[in-house]
Amino acid sequence: MAMPPAGSSLEPGMWVRHPDRPDWGRGQVQSVIGQRVTVNFEEAGKVVINAAVITLDPVPD
């Protein structure tokens, strides 16, 4: 399993929100490979996020 980038607390299974896309709803992290974070959002489906550009906001379970 790939390790999250240094300084990142994202890991598969955790819930996040996209700071610029509140309409996407909550998303569950599917995978973290380098700076590529795949998230399955409630309203937008599966999206690959570049963690070097976008900082996802953790959401409590």
N, C-alpha and C. Protein backbone atom coordinates (compact mmCIF):
# COMPACT_ATOMS: atom_id res chain seq x y z
N MET A 1 0.84 -1.19 0.00
CA MET A 1 0.00 0.00 0.00
C MET A 1 0.88 1.24 0.00
N ALA A 2 0.53 2.23 -0.81
CA ALA A 2 1.32 3.46 -0.90
C ALA A 2 1.15 4.30 0.35
N MET A 3 2.20 4.96 0.71
CA MET A 3 2.16 5.84 1.88
C MET A 3 1.69 7.23 1.45
N PRO A 4 0.95 7.93 2.32
CA PRO A 4 0.56 9.31 1.98
C PRO A 4 1.79 10.19 1.86
N PRO A 5 1.71 11.28 1.10
CA PRO A 5 2.84 12.20 1.00
C PRO A 5 3.22 12.75 2.37
N ALA A 6 4.46 13.15 2.51
CA ALA A 6 4.93 13.72 3.78
C ALA A 6 4.04 14.89 4.16
N GLY A 7 3.61 14.93 5.40
CA GLY A 7 2.78 16.03 5.88
C GLY A 7 1.30 15.84 5.61
N SER A 8 0.95 14.77 4.90
CA SER A 8 -0.45 14.52 4.59
C SER A 8 -1.04 13.56 5.61
N SER A 9 -2.28 13.82 5.98
CA SER A 9 -2.94 12.91 6.92
C SER A 9 -4.04 12.12 6.21
N LEU A 10 -4.09 12.21 4.87
CA LEU A 10 -5.12 11.49 4.12
C LEU A 10 -4.77 10.03 4.00
N GLU A 11 -5.78 9.19 4.21
CA GLU A 11 -5.59 7.76 4.00
C GLU A 11 -6.91 7.15 3.57
N PRO A 12 -6.86 6.02 2.87
CA PRO A 12 -8.09 5.39 2.39
C PRO A 12 -9.09 5.14 3.52
N GLY A 13 -10.36 5.42 3.21
CA GLY A 13 -11.43 5.21 4.17
C GLY A 13 -11.87 6.47 4.88
N MET A 14 -11.01 7.49 4.92
CA MET A 14 -11.43 8.71 5.63
C MET A 14 -12.33 9.56 4.76
N TRP A 15 -13.15 10.40 5.42
CA TRP A 15 -14.11 11.27 4.74
C TRP A 15 -13.55 12.68 4.64
N VAL A 16 -13.78 13.31 3.47
CA VAL A 16 -13.25 14.65 3.20
C VAL A 16 -14.30 15.47 2.45
N ARG A 17 -14.02 16.77 2.36
CA ARG A 17 -14.79 17.67 1.50
C ARG A 17 -13.79 18.44 0.65
N HIS A 18 -14.23 18.78 -0.58
CA HIS A 18 -13.41 19.61 -1.47
C HIS A 18 -13.72 21.06 -1.12
N PRO A 19 -12.71 21.88 -0.76
CA PRO A 19 -12.98 23.24 -0.28
C PRO A 19 -13.64 24.14 -1.32
N ASP A 20 -13.42 23.89 -2.61
CA ASP A 20 -13.99 24.73 -3.66
C ASP A 20 -15.26 24.15 -4.29
N ARG A 21 -15.65 22.94 -3.87
CA ARG A 21 -16.81 22.26 -4.46
C ARG A 21 -17.74 21.70 -3.39
N PRO A 22 -18.35 22.57 -2.57
CA PRO A 22 -19.23 22.08 -1.52
C PRO A 22 -20.42 21.29 -2.07
N ASP A 23 -20.80 21.57 -3.33
CA ASP A 23 -21.92 20.86 -3.95
C ASP A 23 -21.60 19.38 -4.21
N TRP A 24 -20.33 18.99 -4.14
CA TRP A 24 -19.97 17.58 -4.32
C TRP A 24 -20.31 16.75 -3.09
N GLY A 25 -20.57 17.40 -1.95
CA GLY A 25 -20.87 16.67 -0.72
C GLY A 25 -19.62 16.03 -0.13
N ARG A 26 -19.85 15.10 0.78
CA ARG A 26 -18.72 14.39 1.39
C ARG A 26 -18.14 13.41 0.40
N GLY A 27 -16.85 13.12 0.58
CA GLY A 27 -16.22 12.11 -0.26
C GLY A 27 -15.39 11.18 0.60
N GLN A 28 -15.32 9.92 0.18
CA GLN A 28 -14.50 8.96 0.91
C GLN A 28 -13.24 8.68 0.09
N VAL A 29 -12.08 8.84 0.74
CA VAL A 29 -10.81 8.59 0.08
C VAL A 29 -10.72 7.11 -0.28
N GLN A 30 -10.45 6.85 -1.57
CA GLN A 30 -10.32 5.48 -2.07
C GLN A 30 -8.85 5.05 -2.08
N SER A 31 -7.96 5.96 -2.52
CA SER A 31 -6.54 5.64 -2.57
C SER A 31 -5.71 6.92 -2.53
N VAL A 32 -4.47 6.77 -2.07
CA VAL A 32 -3.50 7.86 -2.05
C VAL A 32 -2.21 7.32 -2.64
N ILE A 33 -1.85 7.83 -3.82
CA ILE A 33 -0.62 7.41 -4.49
C ILE A 33 0.16 8.67 -4.83
N GLY A 34 1.22 8.93 -4.05
CA GLY A 34 1.96 10.17 -4.22
C GLY A 34 1.05 11.35 -3.93
N GLN A 35 0.93 12.27 -4.88
CA GLN A 35 0.06 13.43 -4.72
C GLN A 35 -1.34 13.19 -5.29
N ARG A 36 -1.56 12.01 -5.89
CA ARG A 36 -2.87 11.69 -6.48
C ARG A 36 -3.77 11.03 -5.45
N VAL A 37 -4.88 11.70 -5.15
CA VAL A 37 -5.83 11.18 -4.17
C VAL A 37 -7.15 10.91 -4.90
N THR A 38 -7.57 9.67 -4.90
CA THR A 38 -8.85 9.31 -5.53
C THR A 38 -9.92 9.33 -4.46
N VAL A 39 -10.98 10.13 -4.72
CA VAL A 39 -12.06 10.31 -3.75
C VAL A 39 -13.39 10.01 -4.44
N ASN A 40 -14.25 9.27 -3.75
CA ASN A 40 -15.59 8.99 -4.25
C ASN A 40 -16.57 9.93 -3.54
N PHE A 41 -16.97 11.00 -4.24
CA PHE A 41 -17.87 12.00 -3.66
C PHE A 41 -19.32 11.58 -3.82
N GLU A 42 -20.16 11.96 -2.84
CA GLU A 42 -21.58 11.61 -2.84
C GLU A 42 -22.30 12.13 -4.08
N GLU A 43 -21.98 13.36 -4.50
CA GLU A 43 -22.72 13.98 -5.60
C GLU A 43 -21.93 14.10 -6.90
N ALA A 44 -20.62 13.80 -6.88
CA ALA A 44 -19.81 13.96 -8.08
C ALA A 44 -19.18 12.65 -8.54
N GLY A 45 -19.30 11.60 -7.73
CA GLY A 45 -18.69 10.33 -8.09
C GLY A 45 -17.19 10.33 -7.83
N LYS A 46 -16.49 9.47 -8.54
CA LYS A 46 -15.06 9.28 -8.31
C LYS A 46 -14.27 10.38 -9.01
N VAL A 47 -13.41 11.06 -8.24
CA VAL A 47 -12.61 12.17 -8.75
C VAL A 47 -11.17 11.99 -8.27
N VAL A 48 -10.21 12.23 -9.17
CA VAL A 48 -8.80 12.19 -8.79
C VAL A 48 -8.36 13.62 -8.51
N ILE A 49 -7.84 13.84 -7.30
CA ILE A 49 -7.43 15.17 -6.84
C ILE A 49 -5.91 15.23 -6.78
N ASN A 50 -5.35 16.34 -7.23
CA ASN A 50 -3.90 16.58 -7.09
C ASN A 50 -3.70 17.26 -5.75
N ALA A 51 -3.18 16.52 -4.77
CA ALA A 51 -3.03 17.04 -3.40
C ALA A 51 -1.98 18.14 -3.32
N ALA A 52 -1.17 18.31 -4.37
CA ALA A 52 -0.19 19.41 -4.38
C ALA A 52 -0.89 20.74 -4.68
N VAL A 53 -2.11 20.65 -5.26
CA VAL A 53 -2.85 21.85 -5.64
C VAL A 53 -4.04 22.11 -4.74
N ILE A 54 -4.75 21.05 -4.34
CA ILE A 54 -5.97 21.14 -3.53
C ILE A 54 -5.75 20.47 -2.17
N THR A 55 -6.09 21.17 -1.11
CA THR A 55 -6.04 20.58 0.22
C THR A 55 -7.46 20.20 0.63
N LEU A 56 -7.71 18.92 0.69
CA LEU A 56 -9.05 18.43 1.07
C LEU A 56 -9.25 18.60 2.57
N ASP A 57 -10.47 18.94 2.96
CA ASP A 57 -10.80 19.15 4.36
C ASP A 57 -11.36 17.88 4.98
N PRO A 58 -10.70 17.34 6.01
CA PRO A 58 -11.21 16.14 6.68
C PRO A 58 -12.58 16.40 7.30
N VAL A 59 -13.45 15.38 7.27
CA VAL A 59 -14.79 15.46 7.85
C VAL A 59 -14.90 14.35 8.89
N PRO A 60 -15.42 14.66 10.08
CA PRO A 60 -15.61 13.60 11.07
C PRO A 60 -16.53 12.52 10.53
N ASP A 61 -16.27 11.26 10.93
CA ASP A 61 -17.12 10.14 10.52
C ASP A 61 -18.52 10.42 10.98
